[in-house]
């Protein structure tokens, strides 16, 4: 079947449906799934040229696979980057980023509010190889600049953060990084390209956990780095060819299908999240709500500029309490009283999920690191799904109304 070229300057919603649909033998309307470990070569000479990287062609799925390539092309189109490289998970993407950019003796500046496993990766695994990381307040640009050293190679942020939804000024951090000869990587997991394209504000690398909103239904693990074609080919692909933290073709196909509905899902989930956050602000048992879509959020105006005028689908709130012990007990009570929300640390699903970050996603970091990140015992994170908003309110109210004073 002859391939029809897409016209230029399509909207992102169209790109999410039409990018990287390769022509197939039978004319399938859905993207073809190539579930194979290796690819048969026409002759020995061709095989030799392809393995020597003198000729394009698929040889082995650890090196490349057409379904994975389609997923990478579609995600790059949505993020506005030249290319993307898919990985087996979001954390594998951050591992690949560090392996590609950092060497022994290098220095990283990282937000103190990033995902707990990200902190563990930088402070634990990367530190084993002589890479030092300084953690700074997410929204304090001066603190990022003050933390720079002559050997600083990378600034790493996620915006909004998990779970407190702190927002960083991507353009300001890009200026700080580039002024020091360093690179800026932004984890765009919470917003996805449906709301935010970090490269538009100067980021060099965009990190994704495709497990979250790109898939959208909690079905598979996936990750990616979006960046220049040169960096994919010269920095990251040589590592994945050897180390093998690659995405499976089946998971790539699932994420491909998930991206088709990304925009409509995010629109609906953002609307639900804003309604729920606004309602939670009025509940007497709630001490504070963290959500960029609220005017009370300290970076509300910045979030609206960077996130296409929407607050995102994730919020967190703190229950009222007398001390840390009662805070944890009250948070557990609210979570355990739910009947609609799913008690799980995953997010990005069409089903609303609820969790206690201090004892789950951020349990493996130290108490000092949790306090610095604002992950207190009374904090509850809600990743809002597509259920009816009245049912979500009633589900949380069940626990809130029965809290002990």
Protein backbone atom coordinates (compact mmCIF):
# COMPACT_ATOMS: atom_id res chain seq x y z
CA UNK A 1 0.00 0.00 0.00
CA UNK A 2 1.35 3.44 -0.94
CA UNK A 3 2.09 5.73 2.01
CA UNK A 4 0.22 9.03 2.03
CA UNK A 5 2.20 11.91 3.51
CA UNK A 6 0.54 14.00 6.18
CA UNK A 7 0.19 17.73 5.51
CA UNK A 8 2.39 20.02 7.63
CA UNK A 9 1.25 22.00 10.69
CA UNK A 10 -1.40 19.62 11.93
CA UNK A 11 -2.86 20.19 15.39
CA UNK A 12 -1.65 17.98 18.24
CA UNK A 13 -5.00 16.19 18.48
CA UNK A 14 -4.62 15.12 14.85
CA UNK A 15 -0.96 14.18 15.27
CA UNK A 16 -1.94 11.91 18.17
CA UNK A 17 -4.10 9.91 15.78
CA UNK A 18 -2.27 10.11 12.48
CA UNK A 19 1.48 10.27 13.14
CA UNK A 20 3.58 7.18 12.40
CA UNK A 21 0.99 4.95 10.77
CA UNK A 22 3.22 2.95 8.47
CA UNK A 23 1.83 1.29 5.32
CA UNK A 24 1.26 -2.44 5.76
CA UNK A 25 0.77 -5.44 3.53
CA UNK A 26 -2.92 -5.83 4.31
CA UNK A 27 -3.91 -2.22 4.88
CA UNK A 28 -4.74 -2.49 8.59
CA UNK A 29 -6.33 0.67 9.93
CA UNK A 30 -4.69 0.12 13.31
CA UNK A 31 -0.92 0.28 13.71
CA UNK A 32 0.77 -3.05 13.07
CA UNK A 33 2.26 -4.79 16.10
CA UNK A 34 5.59 -6.48 15.37
CA UNK A 35 5.93 -9.08 18.11
CA UNK A 36 9.30 -10.50 17.16
CA UNK A 37 12.69 -10.68 18.80
CA UNK A 38 14.65 -10.61 15.55
CA UNK A 39 14.26 -9.79 11.86
CA UNK A 40 15.30 -12.05 8.97
CA UNK A 41 17.91 -10.49 6.68
CA UNK A 42 17.82 -10.91 2.89
CA UNK A 43 21.45 -12.02 2.74
CA UNK A 44 24.65 -12.14 4.79
CA UNK A 45 26.12 -9.00 3.24
CA UNK A 46 23.05 -6.95 4.12
CA UNK A 47 23.11 -8.31 7.67
CA UNK A 48 26.75 -7.30 7.97
CA UNK A 49 26.08 -3.76 6.75
CA UNK A 50 23.11 -3.30 9.09
CA UNK A 51 24.95 -4.58 12.14
CA UNK A 52 27.85 -2.28 11.23
CA UNK A 53 25.30 0.59 11.04
CA UNK A 54 26.21 1.24 7.43
CA UNK A 55 22.66 0.61 6.25
CA UNK A 56 19.26 1.17 7.84
CA UNK A 57 17.16 -1.85 8.65
CA UNK A 58 15.76 -3.76 11.60
CA UNK A 59 17.84 -6.61 13.00
CA UNK A 60 16.94 -7.23 16.63
CA UNK A 61 14.23 -5.68 18.80
CA UNK A 62 16.71 -4.57 21.46
CA UNK A 63 18.24 -2.40 18.73
CA UNK A 64 15.02 -1.33 17.04
CA UNK A 65 11.46 -2.41 16.24
CA UNK A 66 8.90 -0.84 13.87
CA UNK A 67 6.15 -0.67 16.50
CA UNK A 68 8.46 0.98 18.99
CA UNK A 69 9.64 3.38 16.29
CA UNK A 70 6.03 4.38 15.61
CA UNK A 71 5.46 5.11 19.29
CA UNK A 72 8.65 7.20 19.44
CA UNK A 73 7.70 9.18 16.35
CA UNK A 74 4.22 9.92 17.65
CA UNK A 75 5.43 11.04 21.07
CA UNK A 76 8.11 13.26 19.52
CA UNK A 77 5.48 14.85 17.29
CA UNK A 78 3.30 15.62 20.32
CA UNK A 79 6.20 17.02 22.36
CA UNK A 80 7.56 19.06 19.47
CA UNK A 81 10.99 17.42 19.51
CA UNK A 82 12.97 15.95 16.63
CA UNK A 83 13.00 12.47 18.11
CA UNK A 84 12.30 10.27 21.10
CA UNK A 85 13.76 7.05 22.46
CA UNK A 86 11.48 4.64 24.29
CA UNK A 87 12.43 2.75 27.44
CA UNK A 88 10.96 0.00 29.58
CA UNK A 89 9.68 2.43 32.25
CA UNK A 90 9.83 6.07 33.28
CA UNK A 91 12.60 5.35 35.78
CA UNK A 92 14.53 3.55 33.02
CA UNK A 93 14.30 6.78 31.02
CA UNK A 94 15.91 8.74 33.87
CA UNK A 95 18.56 6.03 34.23
CA UNK A 96 19.30 6.26 30.51
CA UNK A 97 19.48 10.05 30.75
CA UNK A 98 22.06 9.84 33.54
CA UNK A 99 24.08 7.12 31.81
CA UNK A 100 24.21 9.19 28.65
CA UNK A 101 24.99 12.62 30.07
CA UNK A 102 26.91 12.07 33.31
CA UNK A 103 30.36 10.83 34.22
CA UNK A 104 32.23 10.32 37.49
CA UNK A 105 32.94 13.70 39.04
CA UNK A 106 29.91 15.41 37.49
CA UNK A 107 27.35 17.37 39.50
CA UNK A 108 23.54 17.51 39.19
CA UNK A 109 21.10 20.09 40.57
CA UNK A 110 17.69 18.56 41.20
CA UNK A 111 14.40 19.72 42.66
CA UNK A 112 13.93 18.45 46.22
CA UNK A 113 10.28 17.77 45.40
CA UNK A 114 10.67 15.15 42.68
CA UNK A 115 9.29 11.61 42.83
CA UNK A 116 10.82 9.53 45.62
CA UNK A 117 12.35 6.96 43.26
CA UNK A 118 14.01 9.75 41.30
CA UNK A 119 15.70 10.97 44.48
CA UNK A 120 16.75 7.40 45.25
CA UNK A 121 18.24 7.02 41.78
CA UNK A 122 20.30 10.21 41.97
CA UNK A 123 21.34 9.91 45.63
CA UNK A 124 21.78 6.15 45.66
CA UNK A 125 22.66 4.58 42.32
CA UNK A 126 24.31 7.52 40.55
CA UNK A 127 26.23 8.43 43.70
CA UNK A 128 27.90 4.99 43.57
CA UNK A 129 29.66 6.12 40.41
CA UNK A 130 30.92 9.45 41.72
CA UNK A 131 28.05 11.69 40.63
CA UNK A 132 26.94 14.20 43.27
CA UNK A 133 23.47 15.74 43.44
CA UNK A 134 22.36 18.95 45.18
CA UNK A 135 18.65 19.31 45.95
CA UNK A 136 17.00 22.72 45.89
CA UNK A 137 13.48 24.13 46.39
CA UNK A 138 11.47 23.56 43.22
CA UNK A 139 10.23 27.12 42.63
CA UNK A 140 13.28 29.07 43.90
CA UNK A 141 15.22 29.99 40.75
CA UNK A 142 17.89 31.76 42.81
CA UNK A 143 18.53 28.56 44.76
CA UNK A 144 19.05 26.65 41.50
CA UNK A 145 21.55 29.26 40.32
CA UNK A 146 23.36 29.31 43.68
CA UNK A 147 23.76 25.51 43.60
CA UNK A 148 25.67 25.54 40.32
CA UNK A 149 29.28 24.37 40.26
CA UNK A 150 31.90 24.34 37.51
CA UNK A 151 31.20 20.60 37.09
CA UNK A 152 27.39 20.91 36.96
CA UNK A 153 26.20 19.06 33.87
CA UNK A 154 22.45 18.63 34.44
CA UNK A 155 19.47 20.36 36.03
CA UNK A 156 16.51 18.04 36.64
CA UNK A 157 12.95 19.05 37.51
CA UNK A 158 9.45 17.69 37.27
CA UNK A 159 6.57 20.10 36.94
CA UNK A 160 4.12 19.84 38.53
CA UNK A 161 5.81 17.73 41.19
CA UNK A 162 4.63 14.49 42.73
CA UNK A 163 2.68 14.83 45.02
CA UNK A 164 2.54 18.53 46.01
CA UNK A 165 2.07 19.90 42.47
CA UNK A 166 4.83 22.52 42.83
CA UNK A 167 5.47 24.24 39.50
CA UNK A 168 8.86 25.43 38.28
CA UNK A 169 9.55 28.16 35.75
CA UNK A 170 10.92 26.07 32.88
CA UNK A 171 12.21 29.04 30.90
CA UNK A 172 14.03 30.48 33.91
CA UNK A 173 15.67 27.14 34.72
CA UNK A 174 16.65 26.68 31.07
CA UNK A 175 18.38 30.05 31.19
CA UNK A 176 20.20 29.08 34.41
CA UNK A 177 21.31 25.76 32.95
CA UNK A 178 22.42 27.06 29.59
CA UNK A 179 24.28 29.98 31.17
CA UNK A 180 26.37 27.43 33.04
CA UNK A 181 26.91 25.17 30.05
CA UNK A 182 24.56 22.53 31.52
CA UNK A 183 21.41 20.85 30.22
CA UNK A 184 17.85 20.98 31.57
CA UNK A 185 15.69 17.87 31.76
CA UNK A 186 11.99 18.16 32.66
CA UNK A 187 9.79 15.27 33.73
CA UNK A 188 6.47 15.98 31.98
CA UNK A 189 4.60 13.00 33.41
CA UNK A 190 1.84 14.92 35.23
CA UNK A 191 0.91 17.18 32.32
CA UNK A 192 1.79 15.15 29.23
CA UNK A 193 2.17 16.99 25.91
CA UNK A 194 -1.60 17.52 25.88
CA UNK A 195 -1.04 20.35 28.40
CA UNK A 196 2.65 21.21 28.33
CA UNK A 197 5.60 21.06 25.94
CA UNK A 198 8.76 21.81 27.96
CA UNK A 199 10.97 22.28 24.88
CA UNK A 200 8.89 25.35 23.98
CA UNK A 201 10.29 26.94 27.15
CA UNK A 202 13.88 25.86 26.58
CA UNK A 203 14.18 22.37 28.07
CA UNK A 204 16.72 20.10 26.38
CA UNK A 205 15.21 16.77 27.42
CA UNK A 206 11.64 15.76 28.23
CA UNK A 207 11.17 12.67 30.38
CA UNK A 208 8.04 10.51 30.31
CA UNK A 209 6.61 7.65 32.23
CA UNK A 210 4.33 6.31 29.51
CA UNK A 211 2.83 4.14 32.24
CA UNK A 212 0.83 7.22 33.26
CA UNK A 213 -1.22 9.49 30.98
CA UNK A 214 0.27 8.43 27.65
CA UNK A 215 -1.25 4.97 28.10
CA UNK A 216 -4.03 6.33 30.29
CA UNK A 217 -5.57 3.11 31.50
CA UNK A 218 -2.91 1.59 33.77
CA UNK A 219 -2.14 -1.30 31.44
CA UNK A 220 1.61 -1.29 30.77
CA UNK A 221 4.98 0.04 31.84
CA UNK A 222 6.72 2.45 29.47
CA UNK A 223 9.06 5.42 29.39
CA UNK A 224 10.79 7.77 26.99
CA UNK A 225 13.22 10.63 26.50
CA UNK A 226 12.24 13.26 23.93
CA UNK A 227 15.12 15.28 22.50
CA UNK A 228 17.13 15.94 19.35
CA UNK A 229 17.76 13.28 16.71
CA UNK A 230 21.49 13.72 17.21
CA UNK A 231 21.27 12.96 20.93
CA UNK A 232 19.15 9.88 20.32
CA UNK A 233 21.59 8.51 17.76
CA UNK A 234 24.88 9.52 19.37
CA UNK A 235 24.17 9.43 23.12
CA UNK A 236 21.23 7.23 24.03
CA UNK A 237 20.84 4.59 21.31
CA UNK A 238 24.37 3.20 21.79
CA UNK A 239 23.51 2.63 25.47
CA UNK A 240 20.19 0.88 24.87
CA UNK A 241 21.78 -1.32 22.21
CA UNK A 242 24.09 -2.62 24.94
CA UNK A 243 22.19 -2.21 28.21
CA UNK A 244 18.77 -3.17 26.86
CA UNK A 245 16.36 -0.97 28.87
CA UNK A 246 14.10 -0.95 25.81
CA UNK A 247 10.33 -0.91 25.45
CA UNK A 248 8.58 -4.08 24.35
CA UNK A 249 6.66 -3.91 21.05
CA UNK A 250 3.40 -4.86 22.76
CA UNK A 251 3.73 -2.11 25.36
CA UNK A 252 4.67 0.35 22.61
CA UNK A 253 1.50 -0.57 20.72
CA UNK A 254 -0.64 -0.05 23.83
CA UNK A 255 0.87 3.39 24.40
CA UNK A 256 0.36 4.23 20.72
CA UNK A 257 -3.34 3.53 21.12
CA UNK A 258 -3.44 5.43 24.41
CA UNK A 259 -2.04 8.58 22.84
CA UNK A 260 -4.98 8.65 20.42
CA UNK A 261 -7.30 9.67 23.26
CA UNK A 262 -4.79 11.63 25.34
CA UNK A 263 -6.23 15.08 24.69
CA UNK A 264 -9.88 14.23 25.36
CA UNK A 265 -8.98 12.29 28.50
CA UNK A 266 -6.84 15.11 29.87
CA UNK A 267 -9.55 17.68 29.18
CA UNK A 268 -12.12 15.68 31.14
CA UNK A 269 -9.75 14.71 33.96
CA UNK A 270 -8.52 18.28 34.41
CA UNK A 271 -12.11 19.50 34.65
CA UNK A 272 -12.88 16.85 37.27
CA UNK A 273 -9.72 17.69 39.23
CA UNK A 274 -10.51 21.40 39.32
CA UNK A 275 -14.05 20.71 40.53
CA UNK A 276 -12.81 18.33 43.21
CA UNK A 277 -10.03 20.66 44.38
CA UNK A 278 -12.45 23.57 44.61
CA UNK A 279 -14.87 21.44 46.64
CA UNK A 280 -12.12 20.17 48.98
CA UNK A 281 -11.13 23.76 49.79
CA UNK A 282 -14.55 24.21 51.40
CA UNK A 283 -14.44 21.09 53.59
CA UNK A 284 -13.81 21.86 57.29
CA UNK A 285 -11.72 18.71 57.77
CA UNK A 286 -9.22 19.76 55.08
CA UNK A 287 -6.31 21.94 56.14
CA UNK A 288 -4.87 22.66 52.70
CA UNK A 289 -5.34 21.74 49.04
CA UNK A 290 -2.41 21.59 46.62
CA UNK A 291 -3.57 22.09 43.02
CA UNK A 292 -2.14 24.45 40.36
CA UNK A 293 -5.60 25.16 38.97
CA UNK A 294 -6.62 26.97 42.15
CA UNK A 295 -5.94 30.69 42.48
CA UNK A 296 -4.57 29.93 45.97
CA UNK A 297 -1.70 27.88 44.53
CA UNK A 298 1.56 29.87 44.82
CA UNK A 299 2.49 29.23 41.18
CA UNK A 300 -1.04 29.42 39.75
CA UNK A 301 -0.28 32.12 37.15
CA UNK A 302 2.88 30.34 36.01
CA UNK A 303 1.05 27.02 35.76
CA UNK A 304 -1.67 28.55 33.62
CA UNK A 305 0.95 29.91 31.22
CA UNK A 306 2.92 26.67 30.95
CA UNK A 307 0.04 24.17 31.15
CA UNK A 308 -2.33 25.50 28.49
CA UNK A 309 -4.54 27.16 31.09
CA UNK A 310 -5.30 23.96 33.01
CA UNK A 311 -4.25 22.71 36.41
CA UNK A 312 -3.70 19.09 35.49
CA UNK A 313 -5.42 15.92 36.72
CA UNK A 314 -3.54 15.42 40.03
CA UNK A 315 -4.14 17.11 43.36
CA UNK A 316 -3.12 16.59 46.97
CA UNK A 317 -4.73 17.68 50.22
CA UNK A 318 -3.86 17.66 53.90
CA UNK A 319 -6.33 16.54 56.56
CA UNK A 320 -6.57 18.51 59.80
CA UNK A 321 -4.85 16.96 62.79
CA UNK A 322 -3.22 17.66 66.13
CA UNK A 323 0.13 15.95 65.49
CA UNK A 324 1.98 13.65 63.08
CA UNK A 325 0.55 10.47 64.63
CA UNK A 326 -3.06 11.61 64.30
CA UNK A 327 -2.29 13.05 60.86
CA UNK A 328 -1.25 9.66 59.54
CA UNK A 329 -4.23 7.95 61.21
CA UNK A 330 -6.66 10.51 59.77
CA UNK A 331 -5.17 10.20 56.30
CA UNK A 332 -5.39 6.42 56.46
CA UNK A 333 -9.01 6.67 57.61
CA UNK A 334 -10.02 8.87 54.68
CA UNK A 335 -8.27 6.57 52.22
CA UNK A 336 -9.71 3.38 53.73
CA UNK A 337 -13.23 4.86 53.73
CA UNK A 338 -13.30 5.21 49.97
CA UNK A 339 -15.29 2.75 47.88
CA UNK A 340 -14.91 4.28 44.40
CA UNK A 341 -11.29 5.46 44.39
CA UNK A 342 -8.61 2.80 43.90
CA UNK A 343 -5.97 2.64 46.63
CA UNK A 344 -2.82 2.49 44.52
CA UNK A 345 0.24 4.65 43.91
CA UNK A 346 -0.12 4.60 40.14
CA UNK A 347 -1.61 7.64 38.43
CA UNK A 348 -2.74 8.54 34.94
CA UNK A 349 -5.53 5.97 34.86
CA UNK A 350 -9.09 6.65 33.76
CA UNK A 351 -10.01 5.37 37.24
CA UNK A 352 -9.36 7.73 40.15
CA UNK A 353 -6.51 6.61 42.39
CA UNK A 354 -5.74 7.65 45.96
CA UNK A 355 -2.64 7.12 48.10
CA UNK A 356 -0.66 8.23 51.14
CA UNK A 357 2.66 9.43 49.67
CA UNK A 358 4.64 9.45 52.92
CA UNK A 359 4.19 5.69 53.36
CA UNK A 360 4.19 4.64 49.68
CA UNK A 361 5.74 6.61 46.81
CA UNK A 362 8.07 8.54 49.16
CA UNK A 363 8.58 5.85 51.80
CA UNK A 364 12.12 4.93 50.70
CA UNK A 365 13.61 8.40 51.13
CA UNK A 366 14.64 9.75 54.51
CA UNK A 367 12.32 11.65 56.85
CA UNK A 368 14.48 14.74 56.33
CA UNK A 369 14.02 14.44 52.56
CA UNK A 370 10.27 13.99 53.00
CA UNK A 371 10.06 17.07 55.21
CA UNK A 372 12.09 19.10 52.71
CA UNK A 373 9.70 18.02 49.97
CA UNK A 374 6.64 18.83 52.10
CA UNK A 375 5.43 15.22 52.14
CA UNK A 376 3.81 15.28 55.57
CA UNK A 377 1.91 12.46 57.26
CA UNK A 378 -1.48 14.06 56.73
CA UNK A 379 -1.04 14.40 52.96
CA UNK A 380 -3.27 12.46 50.55
CA UNK A 381 -2.73 12.41 46.78
CA UNK A 382 -5.63 11.96 44.36
CA UNK A 383 -5.10 11.35 40.64
CA UNK A 384 -8.53 12.21 39.33
CA UNK A 385 -10.13 9.96 36.74
CA UNK A 386 -13.28 10.00 34.64
CA UNK A 387 -15.91 9.01 37.21
CA UNK A 388 -18.80 11.40 37.82
CA UNK A 389 -17.62 14.25 40.02
CA UNK A 390 -20.51 13.82 42.48
CA UNK A 391 -19.47 10.23 43.12
CA UNK A 392 -15.89 11.30 43.81
CA UNK A 393 -17.01 13.98 46.25
CA UNK A 394 -19.25 11.52 48.08
CA UNK A 395 -16.43 8.97 48.21
CA UNK A 396 -14.06 11.38 49.97
CA UNK A 397 -16.78 12.88 52.14
CA UNK A 398 -17.48 9.46 53.65
CA UNK A 399 -14.11 9.48 55.36
CA UNK A 400 -13.85 13.21 55.99
CA UNK A 401 -17.20 13.38 57.80
CA UNK A 402 -16.21 10.59 60.19
CA UNK A 403 -12.79 11.91 61.17
CA UNK A 404 -12.11 12.13 64.88
CA UNK A 405 -11.46 15.61 66.18
